[in-house]
């Protein structure tokens, strides 16, 4: 074979090797070329899906935004988002101090109907007669303007209820109510009233404030600035919770805790019945 023939044969071998190396790239090129005509439709479909998702989610996003705003306004005004709150008023564009003043007057002016609404619900909770009687006495104390009494009566009663309903009467130390907090965290936000974001506000107060240990001047100042009473600050005389807001919020928190106990007991009963049927 002449030099020219050897060179030509080598060129053919190189060409074959190059063809094998480039084969995946050529296949990819063909796939891209076949896909390109479909790109406009893909983009249009994606845009349509995105627009639909925005339309569907927009009301939910707006609702969540409104609830979050309501929670922030009520927190700033010093009120928990209890089911007796006139939420239509909360949604109005107004100064927080004006909202706080309005709510205080609202509870004074409408107390009889609010009291009856709350007591009717409490009577239906699955707690013992002692719990209902103590709650009723706290309501009466609030009615008489004995706001300090409300906070100081309800914390020991919450502990008693927890001891009886959650700890089977055990005399172990339960002042921090860790088990109660755990049970509350296991509930869906639709299982207590009010629901959703408002339920989360109550849960947040229960776990992050109500049983926080107050052992420093800074912690005492923080507890005093919160219109929701703190158990340690109340029982040990660190803070005197003596305002209408303090009293109402104590009743509201107690109401929420009674709901947690009621729902937890109902779930336990349903689970037991389900196991018995299986």
Protein backbone atom coordinates (compact mmCIF):
# COMPACT_ATOMS: atom_id res chain seq x y z
CA UNK A 1 0.00 0.00 0.00
CA UNK A 2 1.39 3.36 -1.02
CA UNK A 3 1.87 6.23 1.38
CA UNK A 4 -1.09 8.05 -0.09
CA UNK A 5 -3.31 5.00 0.28
CA UNK A 6 -2.22 4.55 3.91
CA UNK A 7 -2.95 8.18 4.63
CA UNK A 8 -6.39 7.88 3.05
CA UNK A 9 -7.15 4.70 5.06
CA UNK A 10 -6.10 6.45 8.26
CA UNK A 11 -8.33 9.38 7.39
CA UNK A 12 -11.29 7.00 6.95
CA UNK A 13 -10.61 5.38 10.34
CA UNK A 14 -10.43 8.81 11.99
CA UNK A 15 -13.67 9.78 10.30
CA UNK A 16 -15.38 6.64 11.62
CA UNK A 17 -14.11 7.30 15.13
CA UNK A 18 -15.26 10.89 14.97
CA UNK A 19 -18.67 9.75 13.76
CA UNK A 20 -19.00 7.44 16.80
CA UNK A 21 -17.89 10.21 19.15
CA UNK A 22 -20.31 12.70 17.62
CA UNK A 23 -23.22 10.25 17.37
CA UNK A 24 -24.74 11.16 20.80
CA UNK A 25 -24.43 14.86 19.97
CA UNK A 26 -26.12 14.32 16.63
CA UNK A 27 -28.95 12.42 18.30
CA UNK A 28 -29.37 15.23 20.83
CA UNK A 29 -29.39 17.75 17.99
CA UNK A 30 -32.17 15.83 16.25
CA UNK A 31 -34.16 15.63 19.49
CA UNK A 32 -33.77 19.37 20.01
CA UNK A 33 -34.79 20.03 16.43
CA UNK A 34 -37.89 17.86 16.86
CA UNK A 35 -38.74 19.63 20.14
CA UNK A 36 -38.27 23.19 18.92
CA UNK A 37 -41.59 23.36 17.06
CA UNK A 38 -43.36 22.39 20.30
CA UNK A 39 -41.66 25.09 22.42
CA UNK A 40 -44.25 27.82 21.76
CA UNK A 41 -47.06 25.46 22.81
CA UNK A 42 -45.12 24.35 25.89
CA UNK A 43 -44.55 27.98 26.90
CA UNK A 44 -48.21 28.80 26.30
CA UNK A 45 -49.34 25.77 28.34
CA UNK A 46 -46.97 26.66 31.18
CA UNK A 47 -48.18 30.26 31.17
CA UNK A 48 -51.80 29.13 31.21
CA UNK A 49 -51.12 26.76 34.15
CA UNK A 50 -49.27 29.49 36.06
CA UNK A 51 -52.09 31.97 35.52
CA UNK A 52 -54.64 29.41 36.67
CA UNK A 53 -52.59 28.64 39.79
CA UNK A 54 -52.38 32.34 40.62
CA UNK A 55 -56.13 32.81 40.15
CA UNK A 56 -56.91 29.79 42.32
CA UNK A 57 -54.44 30.66 45.09
CA UNK A 58 -55.02 34.42 45.10
CA UNK A 59 -58.12 34.29 47.35
CA UNK A 60 -56.33 31.97 49.79
CA UNK A 61 -53.26 34.19 49.86
CA UNK A 62 -55.48 37.22 50.42
CA UNK A 63 -57.36 35.46 53.22
CA UNK A 64 -54.14 34.40 54.96
CA UNK A 65 -52.78 37.92 54.61
CA UNK A 66 -55.96 39.34 56.17
CA UNK A 67 -55.87 36.88 59.09
CA UNK A 68 -52.19 37.59 59.71
CA UNK A 69 -52.91 41.31 59.70
CA UNK A 70 -55.80 40.81 62.15
CA UNK A 71 -53.57 38.83 64.51
CA UNK A 72 -50.90 41.53 64.45
CA UNK A 73 -53.45 44.28 65.09
CA UNK A 74 -54.99 42.41 68.00
CA UNK A 75 -51.58 41.62 69.48
CA UNK A 76 -50.64 45.29 69.30
CA UNK A 77 -54.00 46.28 70.81
CA UNK A 78 -53.50 43.77 73.63
CA UNK A 79 -56.23 41.24 72.84
CA UNK A 80 -56.23 37.55 72.00
CA UNK A 81 -58.27 36.60 68.89
CA UNK A 82 -61.13 35.01 70.83
CA UNK A 83 -64.30 33.93 69.01
CA UNK A 84 -66.17 36.80 70.69
CA UNK A 85 -63.96 39.44 69.05
CA UNK A 86 -65.81 41.60 66.44
CA UNK A 87 -63.40 40.79 63.62
CA UNK A 88 -65.16 43.11 61.16
CA UNK A 89 -64.01 45.99 63.31
CA UNK A 90 -60.46 44.63 63.49
CA UNK A 91 -60.24 44.64 59.70
CA UNK A 92 -60.93 48.36 59.49
CA UNK A 93 -58.07 50.75 58.78
CA UNK A 94 -57.58 52.44 62.13
CA UNK A 95 -54.94 53.23 64.71
CA UNK A 96 -54.09 50.37 67.07
CA UNK A 97 -54.81 52.48 70.14
CA UNK A 98 -58.25 53.29 68.74
CA UNK A 99 -58.86 49.59 68.14
CA UNK A 100 -57.85 48.79 71.71
CA UNK A 101 -60.18 51.43 73.11
CA UNK A 102 -63.02 50.22 70.90
CA UNK A 103 -62.60 46.62 72.03
CA UNK A 104 -62.53 47.52 75.71
CA UNK A 105 -65.75 49.47 75.31
CA UNK A 106 -67.25 46.70 73.17
CA UNK A 107 -66.74 44.14 75.95
CA UNK A 108 -68.16 46.52 78.54
CA UNK A 109 -71.23 47.38 76.47
CA UNK A 110 -71.97 43.84 75.29
CA UNK A 111 -70.80 41.86 78.29
CA UNK A 112 -74.13 40.17 79.09
CA UNK A 113 -74.47 38.54 75.66
CA UNK A 114 -70.75 37.74 75.48
CA UNK A 115 -70.87 36.12 78.93
CA UNK A 116 -73.87 34.01 77.96
CA UNK A 117 -72.20 32.89 74.72
CA UNK A 118 -69.01 31.84 76.49
CA UNK A 119 -70.75 30.07 79.38
CA UNK A 120 -73.01 28.16 77.00
CA UNK A 121 -69.95 26.84 75.18
CA UNK A 122 -68.09 26.03 78.40
CA UNK A 123 -71.11 24.09 79.69
CA UNK A 124 -70.73 21.86 76.63
CA UNK A 125 -67.03 21.12 77.16
CA UNK A 126 -66.01 17.67 78.39
CA UNK A 127 -64.56 18.78 81.73
CA UNK A 128 -65.78 18.14 85.27
CA UNK A 129 -68.26 20.26 87.22
CA UNK A 130 -65.48 21.78 89.33
CA UNK A 131 -63.83 23.20 86.20
CA UNK A 132 -67.11 24.69 84.99
CA UNK A 133 -67.94 26.12 88.42
CA UNK A 134 -64.51 27.74 88.74
CA UNK A 135 -64.74 29.22 85.26
CA UNK A 136 -68.17 30.61 86.12
CA UNK A 137 -66.74 32.19 89.30
CA UNK A 138 -63.94 33.76 87.24
CA UNK A 139 -66.59 35.18 84.91
CA UNK A 140 -68.43 36.62 87.90
CA UNK A 141 -65.21 38.14 89.25
CA UNK A 142 -64.59 39.80 85.89
CA UNK A 143 -68.15 41.11 85.90
CA UNK A 144 -67.49 42.78 89.26
CA UNK A 145 -64.24 44.33 88.03
CA UNK A 146 -62.13 41.98 90.19
CA UNK A 147 -59.62 41.55 87.40
CA UNK A 148 -56.70 40.41 89.59
CA UNK A 149 -58.82 37.57 90.93
CA UNK A 150 -59.54 36.20 87.46
CA UNK A 151 -55.88 35.56 86.63
CA UNK A 152 -55.07 34.24 90.09
CA UNK A 153 -58.04 31.85 90.16
CA UNK A 154 -57.67 30.39 86.67
CA UNK A 155 -54.02 29.30 86.72
CA UNK A 156 -54.43 26.91 89.69
CA UNK A 157 -57.64 25.58 88.15
CA UNK A 158 -55.90 24.91 84.83
CA UNK A 159 -53.28 22.96 86.77
CA UNK A 160 -55.99 20.97 88.56
CA UNK A 161 -57.76 20.16 85.30
CA UNK A 162 -54.47 19.09 83.71
CA UNK A 163 -53.65 16.91 86.71
CA UNK A 164 -57.05 15.18 86.61
CA UNK A 165 -57.62 14.91 82.87
CA UNK A 166 -54.10 14.49 81.48
CA UNK A 167 -51.98 13.11 84.34
CA UNK A 168 -54.53 10.71 85.86
CA UNK A 169 -54.44 12.49 89.22
CA UNK A 170 -50.67 12.22 89.63
CA UNK A 171 -49.11 14.56 92.19
CA UNK A 172 -45.96 15.08 90.17
CA UNK A 173 -44.85 18.63 89.38
CA UNK A 174 -46.66 19.86 86.27
CA UNK A 175 -46.42 23.64 86.65
CA UNK A 176 -44.83 24.08 83.19
CA UNK A 177 -47.64 22.06 81.56
CA UNK A 178 -45.39 20.38 78.98
CA UNK A 179 -47.87 17.58 78.34
CA UNK A 180 -50.73 20.03 77.86
CA UNK A 181 -48.61 21.98 75.39
CA UNK A 182 -47.74 18.75 73.55
CA UNK A 183 -51.40 17.74 73.26
CA UNK A 184 -52.35 21.19 71.99
CA UNK A 185 -49.64 20.91 69.34
CA UNK A 186 -51.08 17.63 68.09
CA UNK A 187 -54.47 19.18 67.31
CA UNK A 188 -55.49 20.47 63.91
CA UNK A 189 -56.13 24.21 63.78
CA UNK A 190 -59.74 23.46 62.83
CA UNK A 191 -60.45 21.67 66.12
CA UNK A 192 -60.59 24.71 68.40
CA UNK A 193 -62.43 28.00 68.07
CA UNK A 194 -61.60 30.31 66.52
CA UNK A 195 -59.87 28.28 63.85
CA UNK A 196 -56.86 28.57 61.57
CA UNK A 197 -54.41 31.41 62.17
CA UNK A 198 -56.31 32.44 65.29
CA UNK A 199 -55.88 28.95 66.78
CA UNK A 200 -52.15 29.24 66.12
CA UNK A 201 -52.08 32.50 68.07
CA UNK A 202 -53.52 30.76 71.12
CA UNK A 203 -51.12 27.86 70.73
CA UNK A 204 -48.22 30.30 70.48
CA UNK A 205 -49.23 32.02 73.72
CA UNK A 206 -49.60 28.67 75.46
CA UNK A 207 -46.17 27.40 74.44
CA UNK A 208 -44.12 30.59 74.30
CA UNK A 209 -45.49 32.83 77.03
CA UNK A 210 -48.04 31.42 79.45
CA UNK A 211 -45.61 29.10 81.27
CA UNK A 212 -42.34 30.86 80.57
CA UNK A 213 -40.15 31.03 83.68
CA UNK A 214 -39.71 34.58 84.97
CA UNK A 215 -36.44 34.76 86.89
CA UNK A 216 -34.72 37.98 85.79
CA UNK A 217 -35.66 41.67 85.76
CA UNK A 218 -35.70 41.57 81.95
CA UNK A 219 -38.08 38.58 81.97
CA UNK A 220 -40.29 40.33 84.54
CA UNK A 221 -40.48 43.46 82.37
CA UNK A 222 -41.33 41.34 79.34
CA UNK A 223 -44.10 39.53 81.25
CA UNK A 224 -45.51 42.79 82.54
CA UNK A 225 -45.65 44.33 79.06
CA UNK A 226 -47.74 41.43 77.77
CA UNK A 227 -51.48 41.79 78.32
CA UNK A 228 -51.76 37.99 78.55
CA UNK A 229 -50.87 36.92 82.07
CA UNK A 230 -47.89 34.65 82.73
CA UNK A 231 -48.39 31.85 85.24
CA UNK A 232 -45.08 32.24 87.09
CA UNK A 233 -45.38 36.04 87.26
CA UNK A 234 -48.97 35.77 88.50
CA UNK A 235 -48.64 33.05 91.13
CA UNK A 236 -45.36 34.34 92.57
CA UNK A 237 -46.44 37.98 92.70
CA UNK A 238 -43.93 39.21 90.15
CA UNK A 239 -46.56 41.05 88.09
CA UNK A 240 -50.00 42.29 89.07
CA UNK A 241 -52.31 41.63 86.14
CA UNK A 242 -55.11 44.01 87.10
CA UNK A 243 -56.62 45.37 83.89
CA UNK A 244 -59.74 44.49 81.95
CA UNK A 245 -57.52 43.19 79.13
CA UNK A 246 -55.59 40.96 81.53
CA UNK A 247 -58.82 39.52 82.87
CA UNK A 248 -60.41 38.94 79.46
CA UNK A 249 -57.28 37.32 78.05
CA UNK A 250 -57.05 35.01 81.06
CA UNK A 251 -60.63 33.89 80.41
CA UNK A 252 -59.90 33.49 76.71
CA UNK A 253 -56.80 31.34 77.36
CA UNK A 254 -58.69 29.20 79.87
CA UNK A 255 -61.47 28.74 77.31
CA UNK A 256 -58.90 27.59 74.73
CA UNK A 257 -57.29 25.14 77.18
CA UNK A 258 -60.69 23.65 78.07
CA UNK A 259 -61.24 23.14 74.34
CA UNK A 260 -57.87 21.38 74.02
CA UNK A 261 -58.79 19.01 76.86
CA UNK A 262 -62.23 18.36 75.38
CA UNK A 263 -60.97 17.59 71.87
CA UNK A 264 -58.12 15.43 73.22
CA UNK A 265 -60.56 13.34 75.28
CA UNK A 266 -62.90 12.95 72.32
CA UNK A 267 -60.06 11.80 70.08
CA UNK A 268 -58.85 9.30 72.68
CA UNK A 269 -62.37 7.88 72.96
CA UNK A 270 -62.74 7.62 69.18
CA UNK A 271 -59.35 5.90 68.88
CA UNK A 272 -60.29 3.41 71.60
CA UNK A 273 -63.60 2.63 69.88
CA UNK A 274 -61.85 2.20 66.53
CA UNK A 275 -59.39 -0.29 68.04
CA UNK A 276 -62.27 -2.16 69.64
CA UNK A 277 -64.02 -2.49 66.27
CA UNK A 278 -60.92 -3.71 64.45
